[in-house]
Amino acid sequence: MTAAAATVVAETRAWIDRAVIGLNLCPFAKAVRIRNQIRYVVCDAVDAGALLDTLREELRFLAGADPALVETTLLIHPQALTDFRDFNDFLGVADAALEALGYAGVLQVASFHPHYQFAGTTADDVTNATNRSPYPTLHLLREASIDRAVAAFPEAKTIYERNIRTLQALGPQGWAALREQGRRDAEDAKSEDRRG
């Protein structure tokens, strides 16, 4: 892994630890993080076509992988689809690729982006942070895993509303502080890797 890719992964892991798990935005994330079942793939594509090729490869990989080893994949693409509108438009292409490969009902693609914006919100609305990651990221998930998680967490439909309340309580300054701490965590992790 290149130094640049290692930085991307370190920052993404810190975001998962501080925001996704730390704020309990996804109650299902902690278990797969602890069991080291998250696959991190940094794609160096600079355009949608090259990203689509990598997405197809990763969908095939996840579909064939042992869930005990790889439960989910984060396909991080720092240079492609940096504009949120372009990224959002690509999600239809991603779903079409998933369906064309025969994985509808088996896998799904969730989306995270540094400039994520829900319909009906302004760009500076802190509630958008529920889906804001350090880099544009496609999250590849197993449908069976989602079904098990929902069965274990009957109030799954309330997660979105709870997350909105969490981010509103945190506020923009709190979110900025959390992101800054995540960057420091990533730097510390990289320093540990160099020493180790």
Protein backbone atom coordinates (compact mmCIF):
# COMPACT_ATOMS: atom_id res chain seq x y z
CA MET A 1 0.00 0.00 0.00
CA THR A 2 1.35 3.42 -0.92
CA ALA A 3 1.80 6.11 1.72
CA ALA A 4 -1.07 8.08 0.20
CA ALA A 5 -3.39 5.04 0.30
CA ALA A 6 -2.32 4.30 3.88
CA THR A 7 -3.30 7.86 4.84
CA VAL A 8 -6.72 7.44 3.20
CA VAL A 9 -7.33 4.17 5.05
CA ALA A 10 -6.10 5.59 8.38
CA GLU A 11 -8.42 8.61 8.06
CA THR A 12 -11.34 6.40 7.06
CA ARG A 13 -10.75 4.07 10.02
CA ALA A 14 -10.57 7.07 12.36
CA TRP A 15 -13.88 8.37 10.94
CA ILE A 16 -15.47 4.97 11.54
CA ASP A 17 -14.16 4.87 15.10
CA ARG A 18 -14.97 8.50 16.02
CA ALA A 19 -18.17 9.15 14.05
CA VAL A 20 -19.83 5.96 12.85
CA ILE A 21 -19.12 3.96 16.02
CA GLY A 22 -18.33 6.78 18.44
CA LEU A 23 -21.61 8.58 17.78
CA ASN A 24 -23.41 5.25 17.24
CA LEU A 25 -24.57 6.37 13.79
CA CYS A 26 -24.63 2.70 12.78
CA PRO A 27 -25.23 0.27 15.65
CA PHE A 28 -24.06 -2.61 13.43
CA ALA A 29 -20.59 -1.22 12.63
CA LYS A 30 -18.81 -1.94 15.89
CA ALA A 31 -18.95 -5.74 15.63
CA VAL A 32 -17.44 -5.91 12.12
CA ARG A 33 -14.76 -3.36 13.08
CA ILE A 34 -13.78 -5.35 16.19
CA ARG A 35 -13.69 -8.60 14.20
CA ASN A 36 -11.57 -6.90 11.50
CA GLN A 37 -14.08 -7.88 8.77
CA ILE A 38 -14.02 -4.58 6.88
CA ARG A 39 -12.13 -4.57 3.59
CA TYR A 40 -10.65 -1.16 2.72
CA VAL A 41 -9.95 -0.61 -0.97
CA VAL A 42 -8.42 2.66 -2.13
CA CYS A 43 -9.15 3.19 -5.82
CA ASP A 44 -6.83 5.53 -7.71
CA ALA A 45 -9.38 6.12 -10.48
CA VAL A 46 -9.81 9.71 -11.58
CA ASP A 47 -12.99 9.18 -13.60
CA ALA A 48 -16.30 7.36 -13.31
CA GLY A 49 -15.43 4.72 -15.92
CA ALA A 50 -12.34 3.49 -14.10
CA LEU A 51 -14.20 3.61 -10.79
CA LEU A 52 -16.99 1.51 -12.28
CA ASP A 53 -14.46 -1.14 -13.33
CA THR A 54 -13.10 -1.30 -9.78
CA LEU A 55 -16.61 -1.37 -8.34
CA ARG A 56 -17.47 -4.41 -10.49
CA GLU A 57 -14.28 -6.17 -9.31
CA GLU A 58 -15.08 -5.44 -5.68
CA LEU A 59 -18.70 -6.58 -6.00
CA ARG A 60 -17.46 -9.88 -7.44
CA PHE A 61 -14.86 -10.17 -4.68
CA LEU A 62 -17.34 -9.54 -1.87
CA ALA A 63 -19.93 -11.90 -3.33
CA GLY A 64 -17.34 -14.69 -3.39
CA ALA A 65 -15.59 -13.93 -0.09
CA ASP A 66 -16.15 -15.79 3.15
CA PRO A 67 -18.31 -13.46 5.31
CA ALA A 68 -16.38 -14.55 8.39
CA LEU A 69 -13.30 -12.93 6.84
CA VAL A 70 -14.81 -10.07 4.79
CA GLU A 71 -18.24 -8.91 5.86
CA THR A 72 -18.26 -5.58 4.03
CA THR A 73 -16.11 -3.43 1.74
CA LEU A 74 -15.39 0.29 1.74
CA LEU A 75 -14.40 1.33 -1.78
CA ILE A 76 -12.72 4.70 -1.23
CA HIS A 77 -12.02 6.84 -4.29
CA PRO A 78 -10.33 10.12 -3.31
CA GLN A 79 -9.82 11.41 -6.87
CA ALA A 80 -13.01 10.33 -8.61
CA LEU A 81 -16.44 11.94 -8.20
CA THR A 82 -15.25 14.57 -5.75
CA ASP A 83 -18.23 16.73 -6.74
CA PHE A 84 -21.23 15.47 -4.77
CA ARG A 85 -23.69 15.88 -7.65
CA ASP A 86 -21.52 13.74 -9.91
CA PHE A 87 -21.15 11.20 -7.11
CA ASN A 88 -24.90 11.15 -6.50
CA ASP A 89 -25.55 10.63 -10.22
CA PHE A 90 -23.10 7.72 -10.22
CA LEU A 91 -25.13 5.83 -7.61
CA GLY A 92 -27.66 4.86 -10.29
CA VAL A 93 -24.80 3.51 -12.40
CA ALA A 94 -23.52 1.56 -9.38
CA ASP A 95 -26.94 0.00 -8.77
CA ALA A 96 -27.26 -0.90 -12.46
CA ALA A 97 -23.85 -2.60 -12.35
CA LEU A 98 -24.85 -4.55 -9.26
CA GLU A 99 -28.02 -5.71 -10.97
CA ALA A 100 -26.23 -6.57 -14.24
CA LEU A 101 -23.82 -8.77 -12.29
CA GLY A 102 -26.75 -10.65 -10.76
CA TYR A 103 -26.21 -9.38 -7.20
CA ALA A 104 -29.56 -7.63 -6.69
CA GLY A 105 -30.93 -8.98 -3.42
CA VAL A 106 -27.45 -10.26 -2.49
CA LEU A 107 -25.42 -7.05 -2.19
CA GLN A 108 -26.19 -3.36 -2.02
CA VAL A 109 -24.25 -0.13 -2.29
CA ALA A 110 -24.50 2.63 0.31
CA SER A 111 -22.90 6.03 -0.15
CA PHE A 112 -20.75 8.44 1.84
CA HIS A 113 -19.10 11.65 0.66
CA PRO A 114 -17.32 14.65 2.23
CA HIS A 115 -20.00 16.95 0.79
CA TYR A 116 -23.01 14.66 1.25
CA GLN A 117 -26.25 16.60 1.18
CA PHE A 118 -29.71 15.22 1.78
CA ALA A 119 -32.54 16.56 -0.37
CA GLY A 120 -34.22 19.50 1.31
CA THR A 121 -31.18 20.53 3.36
CA THR A 122 -28.64 23.29 2.90
CA ALA A 123 -24.97 22.41 2.38
CA ASP A 124 -24.06 23.65 5.87
CA ASP A 125 -26.79 21.67 7.66
CA VAL A 126 -24.95 19.57 10.26
CA THR A 127 -27.40 16.69 9.81
CA ASN A 128 -25.74 15.94 6.46
CA ALA A 129 -22.75 14.76 8.52
CA THR A 130 -24.50 11.43 9.14
CA ASN A 131 -23.27 10.48 5.65
CA ARG A 132 -20.12 12.61 5.43
CA SER A 133 -16.90 10.64 5.18
CA PRO A 134 -13.34 11.91 4.73
CA TYR A 135 -13.35 10.79 1.07
CA PRO A 136 -15.96 9.72 -1.49
CA THR A 137 -16.80 6.16 -0.50
CA LEU A 138 -19.02 3.38 -1.79
CA HIS A 139 -19.96 0.96 0.97
CA LEU A 140 -20.64 -2.55 -0.33
CA LEU A 141 -22.88 -4.53 1.98
CA ARG A 142 -24.34 -8.03 2.09
CA GLU A 143 -28.15 -8.07 2.13
CA ALA A 144 -28.09 -11.09 4.49
CA SER A 145 -26.01 -9.09 6.97
CA ILE A 146 -28.48 -6.22 6.83
CA ASP A 147 -31.38 -8.61 7.41
CA ARG A 148 -29.63 -10.13 10.46
CA ALA A 149 -28.80 -6.70 11.85
CA VAL A 150 -32.37 -5.45 11.44
CA ALA A 151 -33.70 -8.60 13.12
CA ALA A 152 -31.34 -8.00 16.05
CA PHE A 153 -32.23 -4.31 16.23
CA PRO A 154 -36.02 -4.05 15.83
CA GLU A 155 -35.95 -0.24 16.00
CA ALA A 156 -33.75 -0.03 12.87
CA LYS A 157 -36.24 2.33 11.22
CA THR A 158 -35.58 4.87 13.97
CA ILE A 159 -31.80 5.03 13.35
CA TYR A 160 -32.06 7.86 10.82
CA GLU A 161 -34.14 10.06 13.12
CA ARG A 162 -31.87 9.31 16.09
CA ASN A 163 -28.81 10.20 13.99
CA ILE A 164 -30.35 13.52 13.02
CA ARG A 165 -30.94 14.34 16.71
CA THR A 166 -27.37 13.27 17.57
CA LEU A 167 -25.85 15.58 14.94
CA GLN A 168 -28.12 18.46 15.90
CA ALA A 169 -27.03 18.09 19.53
CA LEU A 170 -23.37 17.90 18.49
CA GLY A 171 -23.67 20.98 16.30
CA PRO A 172 -21.26 22.24 13.61
CA GLN A 173 -18.47 23.06 16.07
CA GLY A 174 -18.75 19.66 17.72
CA TRP A 175 -18.66 17.94 14.32
CA ALA A 176 -15.60 19.97 13.30
CA ALA A 177 -13.85 19.02 16.56
CA LEU A 178 -14.69 15.36 16.06
CA ARG A 179 -13.30 15.43 12.52
CA GLU A 180 -10.12 17.13 13.73
CA GLN A 181 -9.67 14.48 16.44
CA GLY A 182 -10.14 11.84 13.75
CA ARG A 183 -7.33 13.40 11.70
CA ARG A 184 -5.07 13.33 14.77
CA ASP A 185 -6.03 9.69 15.42
CA ALA A 186 -5.08 8.84 11.82
CA GLU A 187 -1.71 10.57 12.21
CA ASP A 188 -1.07 8.67 15.42
CA ALA A 189 -2.00 5.38 13.77
CA LYS A 190 0.36 6.04 10.85
CA SER A 191 3.17 6.89 13.29
CA GLU A 192 2.53 3.64 15.16
CA ASP A 193 2.65 1.68 11.86
CA ARG A 194 5.99 3.27 10.95
CA ARG A 195 7.45 2.43 14.35
CA GLY A 196 5.98 -1.09 14.39
